[in-house]
N, C-alpha and C. Protein backbone atom coordinates (compact mmCIF):
# COMPACT_ATOMS: atom_id res chain seq x y z
N MET A 1 321.51 283.71 56.57
CA MET A 1 320.90 282.43 55.92
C MET A 1 322.02 281.74 55.19
N GLU A 2 321.93 280.29 55.67
CA GLU A 2 322.68 279.70 54.09
C GLU A 2 321.83 279.23 53.13
N ILE A 3 322.18 278.65 52.14
CA ILE A 3 320.64 277.78 51.06
C ILE A 3 321.58 276.74 51.21
N PRO A 4 320.74 275.52 51.52
CA PRO A 4 321.64 273.90 51.24
C PRO A 4 321.69 273.85 49.78
N PRO A 5 322.64 273.00 49.64
CA PRO A 5 322.90 272.75 48.40
C PRO A 5 321.80 272.24 48.06
N LYS A 6 321.65 272.40 46.34
CA LYS A 6 320.46 271.52 45.35
C LYS A 6 321.02 270.38 45.37
N SER A 7 320.06 268.77 45.45
CA SER A 7 320.55 267.78 44.85
C SER A 7 320.65 267.66 43.39
N PRO A 8 321.58 267.25 43.18
CA PRO A 8 321.52 266.80 41.42
C PRO A 8 320.20 266.11 41.26
N ASP A 9 320.74 266.55 39.76
CA ASP A 9 319.38 265.66 38.98
C ASP A 9 319.70 264.81 38.61
N GLU A 10 318.77 263.82 37.88
CA GLU A 10 319.30 262.84 36.56
C GLU A 10 320.31 263.44 35.74
N SER A 11 320.18 264.17 35.28
CA SER A 11 320.53 264.52 34.32
C SER A 11 322.16 264.95 34.56
N GLU A 12 322.01 265.68 35.80
CA GLU A 12 323.04 266.20 35.68
C GLU A 12 324.08 265.06 36.74
N LYS A 13 323.99 263.72 37.21
CA LYS A 13 324.71 262.81 37.58
C LYS A 13 325.73 262.53 36.39
N SER A 14 327.24 262.18 37.27
CA SER A 14 328.06 261.49 37.14
C SER A 14 328.01 260.75 36.30
N PRO A 15 328.60 259.85 34.88
CA PRO A 15 328.60 258.50 34.15
C PRO A 15 329.18 257.45 35.41
N GLN A 16 329.88 257.76 35.61
CA GLN A 16 330.82 256.77 36.57
C GLN A 16 329.76 256.71 37.96
N SER A 17 328.76 257.84 38.90
CA SER A 17 328.03 257.65 39.37
C SER A 17 326.63 256.71 39.03
N GLN A 18 326.55 257.11 38.25
CA GLN A 18 325.43 256.06 37.47
C GLN A 18 325.51 254.61 37.29
N GLU A 19 326.86 254.66 37.11
CA GLU A 19 327.49 252.81 37.07
C GLU A 19 327.85 252.34 38.26
N LEU A 20 327.67 253.23 38.83
CA LEU A 20 328.06 252.61 40.38
C LEU A 20 326.14 251.82 41.14
N VAL A 21 325.35 252.99 40.35
CA VAL A 21 324.43 252.89 41.42
C VAL A 21 323.61 251.84 40.48
N ALA A 22 324.24 251.43 38.68
CA ALA A 22 323.16 250.95 38.36
C ALA A 22 323.60 249.38 38.43
N SER A 23 325.07 249.22 38.95
CA SER A 23 325.87 247.93 38.67
C SER A 23 325.47 247.01 40.36
N HIS A 24 325.48 245.74 39.79
CA HIS A 24 325.38 245.05 41.30
C HIS A 24 326.41 244.99 42.19
N THR A 25 326.54 245.29 43.05
CA THR A 25 328.33 245.45 43.30
C THR A 25 328.10 244.18 44.86
N GLY A 26 326.89 244.38 45.13
CA GLY A 26 326.73 243.22 46.64
C GLY A 26 326.96 241.76 45.93
N SER A 27 326.19 241.85 45.35
CA SER A 27 326.13 240.36 44.27
C SER A 27 327.40 239.66 43.79
N THR A 28 328.10 240.59 43.05
CA THR A 28 329.24 240.40 42.53
C THR A 28 330.42 240.67 43.83
N LEU A 29 329.99 241.22 44.70
CA LEU A 29 330.89 240.61 45.74
C LEU A 29 330.77 239.35 47.11
N CYS A 30 329.86 238.99 47.44
CA CYS A 30 329.56 237.73 47.94
C CYS A 30 329.75 236.53 46.95
N MET A 31 329.67 236.82 45.21
CA MET A 31 330.53 235.54 44.61
C MET A 31 331.85 235.56 43.90
N SER A 32 332.31 236.87 44.53
CA SER A 32 334.19 236.87 44.01
C SER A 32 334.54 236.32 45.46
N SER A 33 334.04 236.85 46.74
CA SER A 33 334.53 236.59 48.06
C SER A 33 334.93 234.70 47.86
N ARG A 34 334.11 233.66 47.37
CA ARG A 34 334.31 232.52 47.37
C ARG A 34 335.50 232.04 46.52
N SER A 35 335.80 231.32 46.95
CA SER A 35 337.13 230.95 45.86
C SER A 35 336.46 229.75 45.23
N GLU A 36 336.69 229.15 43.87
CA GLU A 36 336.28 228.35 43.21
C GLU A 36 336.39 227.06 43.68
N SER A 37 337.67 226.38 44.46
CA SER A 37 337.94 225.58 44.86
C SER A 37 337.54 224.78 44.86
N VAL A 38 336.91 225.87 46.54
CA VAL A 38 335.74 225.11 47.67
C VAL A 38 334.55 224.69 46.64
N TRP A 39 333.94 225.10 45.46
CA TRP A 39 333.12 224.40 44.85
C TRP A 39 332.92 223.65 43.85
N THR A 40 334.43 223.78 43.61
CA THR A 40 334.79 222.59 42.11
C THR A 40 334.93 221.27 43.10
N SER A 41 334.94 219.89 42.39
CA SER A 41 335.09 219.56 42.11
C SER A 41 336.35 218.52 42.11
N ALA A 42 337.70 219.21 41.91
CA ALA A 42 338.74 219.16 41.59
C ALA A 42 339.40 218.39 43.24
N SER A 43 339.85 217.73 43.08
CA SER A 43 341.05 216.99 44.74
C SER A 43 342.11 218.14 44.51
N ARG A 44 342.29 218.41 45.86
CA ARG A 44 343.20 219.17 46.55
C ARG A 44 344.62 218.17 46.86
N SER A 45 345.75 218.17 46.77
CA SER A 45 346.39 217.93 47.92
C SER A 45 346.80 217.81 49.25
N ARG A 46 347.28 216.80 49.91
CA ARG A 46 347.14 216.60 51.22
C ARG A 46 347.85 218.58 52.41
N TRP A 47 349.08 219.36 51.36
CA TRP A 47 349.67 219.95 51.42
C TRP A 47 348.92 221.32 51.46
N ASP A 48 347.98 221.11 50.26
CA ASP A 48 346.88 222.35 50.34
C ASP A 48 345.96 222.52 50.93
N ILE A 49 345.64 220.68 52.01
CA ILE A 49 344.22 221.12 52.36
C ILE A 49 344.79 221.16 53.64
N TYR A 50 346.27 220.95 54.38
CA TYR A 50 346.83 220.80 55.79
C TYR A 50 347.52 222.06 55.94
N HIS A 51 347.93 223.00 55.11
CA HIS A 51 349.37 223.60 55.61
C HIS A 51 349.21 224.72 56.75
N LYS A 52 348.08 225.43 56.56
CA LYS A 52 348.03 226.10 57.20
C LYS A 52 347.57 225.76 58.96
N PRO A 53 347.28 224.08 59.47
CA PRO A 53 347.44 224.39 60.61
C PRO A 53 348.76 223.24 60.89
N VAL A 54 349.83 222.94 59.81
CA VAL A 54 351.29 222.61 60.05
C VAL A 54 351.91 223.71 60.30
N ILE A 55 351.02 224.76 59.55
CA ILE A 55 352.74 226.04 59.61
C ILE A 55 351.94 226.50 61.77
N VAL A 56 350.98 226.28 62.10
CA VAL A 56 350.32 226.90 63.03
C VAL A 56 351.36 226.09 64.49
N VAL A 57 350.88 225.00 64.32
CA VAL A 57 351.77 223.57 65.18
C VAL A 57 352.97 223.93 64.93
N SER A 58 353.87 224.02 63.82
CA SER A 58 355.16 224.07 64.07
C SER A 58 356.07 225.23 64.49
N VAL A 59 354.83 226.25 64.19
CA VAL A 59 355.57 228.29 65.16
C VAL A 59 354.98 227.74 66.16
N GLY A 60 354.23 227.74 66.83
CA GLY A 60 353.70 226.72 68.53
C GLY A 60 354.90 225.95 68.51
N ALA A 61 355.24 224.86 68.63
CA ALA A 61 356.19 224.05 68.88
C ALA A 61 357.25 224.72 69.14
N ALA A 62 357.99 225.78 68.22
CA ALA A 62 359.10 226.17 68.45
C ALA A 62 359.01 227.35 69.36
N VAL A 63 357.81 228.25 69.17
CA VAL A 63 358.17 229.33 70.06
C VAL A 63 357.82 228.33 71.14
N PHE A 64 357.09 227.54 71.54
CA PHE A 64 357.07 226.62 73.03
C PHE A 64 358.40 226.54 73.83
N LEU A 65 359.94 225.78 72.93
CA LEU A 65 360.60 225.10 73.09
C LEU A 65 361.45 226.77 73.33
N PHE A 66 361.38 227.87 72.53
CA PHE A 66 362.15 229.17 73.12
C PHE A 66 361.75 229.18 74.40
N GLY A 67 360.39 229.17 74.72
CA GLY A 67 359.99 229.54 75.85
C GLY A 67 360.48 228.61 77.31
N VAL A 68 360.69 226.85 77.25
CA VAL A 68 361.01 226.40 77.29
C VAL A 68 362.90 226.64 77.97
N VAL A 69 363.18 227.27 76.97
CA VAL A 69 365.08 227.69 76.87
C VAL A 69 364.77 228.53 78.19
N ILE A 70 364.01 230.05 78.06
CA ILE A 70 364.13 231.27 78.48
C ILE A 70 363.71 230.94 79.59
N THR A 71 363.16 229.63 80.23
CA THR A 71 362.43 229.23 81.79
C THR A 71 363.67 228.68 82.07
N SER A 72 364.41 228.08 81.25
CA SER A 72 365.36 227.26 82.01
C SER A 72 366.38 228.43 82.04
N LEU A 73 366.99 229.40 81.46
CA LEU A 73 367.96 230.18 81.52
C LEU A 73 367.75 230.98 82.95
N SER A 74 366.62 231.26 83.40
CA SER A 74 366.64 231.70 84.06
C SER A 74 366.60 231.21 85.88
N CYS A 75 366.57 229.91 85.86
CA CYS A 75 367.48 228.81 86.63
C CYS A 75 368.91 228.76 86.78
N PHE A 76 369.61 228.83 85.54
CA PHE A 76 371.17 229.01 85.28
C PHE A 76 371.87 230.13 85.63
N LEU A 77 371.27 231.31 85.33
CA LEU A 77 371.74 232.28 85.03
C LEU A 77 371.49 233.73 86.17
N THR A 78 372.97 233.86 86.91
CA THR A 78 371.82 234.99 88.42
C THR A 78 371.89 236.05 87.54
N GLN A 79 372.32 236.51 86.54
CA GLN A 79 371.70 238.15 85.91
C GLN A 79 370.70 237.89 84.95
N ASN A 80 369.89 239.23 85.20
CA ASN A 80 368.98 239.25 84.31
C ASN A 80 367.73 238.36 84.61
N THR A 81 368.12 237.74 85.51
CA THR A 81 366.79 236.36 86.16
C THR A 81 365.17 237.35 85.91
N LYS A 82 365.21 238.69 86.66
CA LYS A 82 363.85 239.19 86.55
C LYS A 82 363.13 239.56 85.28
N ALA A 83 363.68 239.29 83.84
CA ALA A 83 363.58 239.30 82.33
C ALA A 83 363.21 238.04 81.90
N TYR A 84 363.91 237.11 82.40
CA TYR A 84 363.93 235.54 81.85
C TYR A 84 362.80 235.02 83.00
N LYS A 85 362.34 235.58 83.83
CA LYS A 85 361.26 234.76 84.85
C LYS A 85 360.17 235.76 84.12
N MET A 86 360.15 236.36 83.58
CA MET A 86 358.77 237.22 83.28
C MET A 86 358.51 236.96 81.65
N SER A 87 359.60 236.40 80.52
CA SER A 87 359.68 236.81 79.41
C SER A 87 359.43 235.14 78.80
N GLY A 88 359.89 234.18 80.08
CA GLY A 88 360.11 232.66 79.39
C GLY A 88 358.73 231.73 79.44
N PRO A 89 357.53 232.31 80.80
CA PRO A 89 356.09 231.97 80.71
C PRO A 89 355.39 232.81 79.89
N ALA A 90 356.14 233.81 79.34
CA ALA A 90 354.93 234.17 78.56
C ALA A 90 354.93 233.36 77.27
N PHE A 91 356.14 233.24 76.76
CA PHE A 91 356.82 232.43 75.47
C PHE A 91 356.31 230.84 75.35
N LEU A 92 355.89 230.57 77.00
CA LEU A 92 355.17 229.11 76.96
C LEU A 92 354.36 228.74 76.23
N SER A 93 353.20 229.42 77.30
CA SER A 93 351.48 230.28 76.81
C SER A 93 351.63 230.56 75.76
N LEU A 94 352.05 231.28 74.78
CA LEU A 94 351.95 231.60 74.08
C LEU A 94 351.98 230.43 72.57
N GLY A 95 353.32 229.12 72.64
CA GLY A 95 353.41 228.86 71.96
C GLY A 95 352.48 227.47 71.67
N LEU A 96 352.34 227.12 73.43
CA LEU A 96 351.40 226.15 73.70
C LEU A 96 350.03 226.51 73.53
N MET A 97 349.63 227.62 73.45
CA MET A 97 347.82 227.81 73.12
C MET A 97 348.68 227.42 71.25
N LEU A 98 349.20 227.97 70.87
CA LEU A 98 349.34 228.07 69.64
C LEU A 98 349.72 226.20 68.82
N LEU A 99 349.89 225.81 69.70
CA LEU A 99 349.98 224.37 69.59
C LEU A 99 348.74 223.75 69.54
N VAL A 100 348.18 224.16 70.55
CA VAL A 100 346.78 223.25 70.53
C VAL A 100 345.84 223.54 69.52
N CYS A 101 345.80 225.15 69.65
CA CYS A 101 345.14 225.61 67.89
C CYS A 101 345.60 224.62 67.25
N GLY A 102 346.27 224.35 66.50
CA GLY A 102 346.77 224.02 64.98
C GLY A 102 346.43 222.10 65.72
N LEU A 103 346.62 221.72 66.90
CA LEU A 103 346.44 220.17 67.05
C LEU A 103 344.70 219.82 66.94
N VAL A 104 343.88 220.89 67.14
CA VAL A 104 342.61 220.96 67.00
C VAL A 104 342.03 220.81 65.55
N TRP A 105 342.91 222.04 64.97
CA TRP A 105 342.45 222.47 63.92
C TRP A 105 342.37 221.31 62.64
N ILE A 106 343.26 220.34 62.97
CA ILE A 106 343.49 219.40 61.97
C ILE A 106 341.86 218.32 62.02
N PRO A 107 341.68 218.20 63.37
CA PRO A 107 340.30 217.26 62.55
C PRO A 107 339.30 217.92 62.56
N ILE A 108 339.26 219.26 62.54
CA ILE A 108 337.82 219.87 61.69
C ILE A 108 337.74 219.42 60.73
N ILE A 109 339.12 220.17 60.44
CA ILE A 109 339.08 219.95 59.02
C ILE A 109 339.22 218.41 58.13
N ARG A 110 339.59 217.51 58.94
CA ARG A 110 339.32 215.97 58.39
C ARG A 110 337.46 216.07 58.41
N LYS A 111 336.96 216.27 59.32
CA LYS A 111 335.75 216.30 59.71
C LYS A 111 334.71 216.91 58.31
N LYS A 112 335.43 218.59 58.42
CA LYS A 112 334.42 219.53 57.09
C LYS A 112 334.85 218.70 55.89
N GLN A 113 336.01 218.28 55.26
CA GLN A 113 335.92 216.80 53.91
C GLN A 113 335.12 215.75 54.08
N LYS A 114 334.62 214.81 55.27
CA LYS A 114 334.03 214.03 55.16
C LYS A 114 332.58 214.65 54.67
N GLN A 115 332.28 215.88 55.12
CA GLN A 115 330.64 216.54 54.92
C GLN A 115 331.03 216.81 53.66
N ARG A 116 331.46 217.61 53.10
CA ARG A 116 331.71 217.61 51.43
C ARG A 116 331.95 216.73 50.91
N GLN A 117 332.28 215.14 51.27
CA GLN A 117 332.33 214.02 50.19
C GLN A 117 331.32 213.70 50.44
N LYS A 118 330.86 213.25 51.17
CA LYS A 118 329.39 213.16 51.57
C LYS A 118 327.90 214.00 50.72
N SER A 119 328.40 215.66 50.65
CA SER A 119 326.95 216.23 50.29
C SER A 119 327.55 216.26 48.53
N GLN A 120 328.49 215.92 48.40
CA GLN A 120 328.62 215.77 47.17
C GLN A 120 328.30 214.41 45.91
N PHE A 121 328.36 213.17 47.15
CA PHE A 121 327.64 212.37 46.69
C PHE A 121 326.47 211.92 46.26
N LEU A 122 326.10 213.07 47.27
CA LEU A 122 324.57 212.90 47.58
C LEU A 122 324.42 213.97 46.63
N GLN A 123 324.83 214.99 46.24
CA GLN A 123 324.24 215.50 45.08
C GLN A 123 324.57 214.83 43.60
N SER A 124 325.03 214.08 43.67
CA SER A 124 325.44 213.28 42.08
C SER A 124 324.49 212.26 42.44
N LEU A 125 323.96 211.68 43.53
CA LEU A 125 322.98 210.79 43.55
C LEU A 125 321.64 211.72 43.14
N LYS A 126 321.32 212.88 43.66
CA LYS A 126 320.06 213.29 43.46
C LYS A 126 319.82 213.65 41.90
N SER A 127 320.86 214.28 41.13
CA SER A 127 321.31 214.77 39.70
C SER A 127 320.97 213.38 39.12
N PHE A 128 321.62 212.49 39.26
CA PHE A 128 321.50 211.25 38.50
C PHE A 128 319.82 210.26 38.58
N PHE A 129 319.03 210.66 39.70
CA PHE A 129 317.59 210.12 39.68
C PHE A 129 316.91 211.17 39.20
N PHE A 130 316.63 212.67 39.46
CA PHE A 130 316.39 213.62 38.76
C PHE A 130 316.33 214.28 37.69
N ASN A 131 317.44 213.75 37.40
CA ASN A 131 317.62 214.58 35.76
C ASN A 131 317.16 213.81 34.96
N ARG A 132 316.57 212.37 35.03
CA ARG A 132 316.14 211.54 33.96
C ARG A 132 315.50 211.89 32.84
């Protein structure tokens, strides 16, 4: 019969494992996962706020136009029409999906910005009245 390995005592644990057990990794992980720019009142430029949806919209428009070109090539060319007819609509749908996602993303960001401004205003009002 095999003997199960002994569990190490507190004195036998390495100092690294004691540090890992003693540290508060969960709380520091949650705190570091939030960027501080979200919580500070420093104003950001429009490009910092809208650069992701603008990139998604422009990539979607480019892919959509590429799909239009590929689909139109299937009408004019007589060679490889099967490949054009299969890939053209795929690029069309992918480009349209990216374009719509980016266009919907912009009003969502605007709404969040308005909510953040309202909450900052209410926080300053609350601190003004209750911290006297």
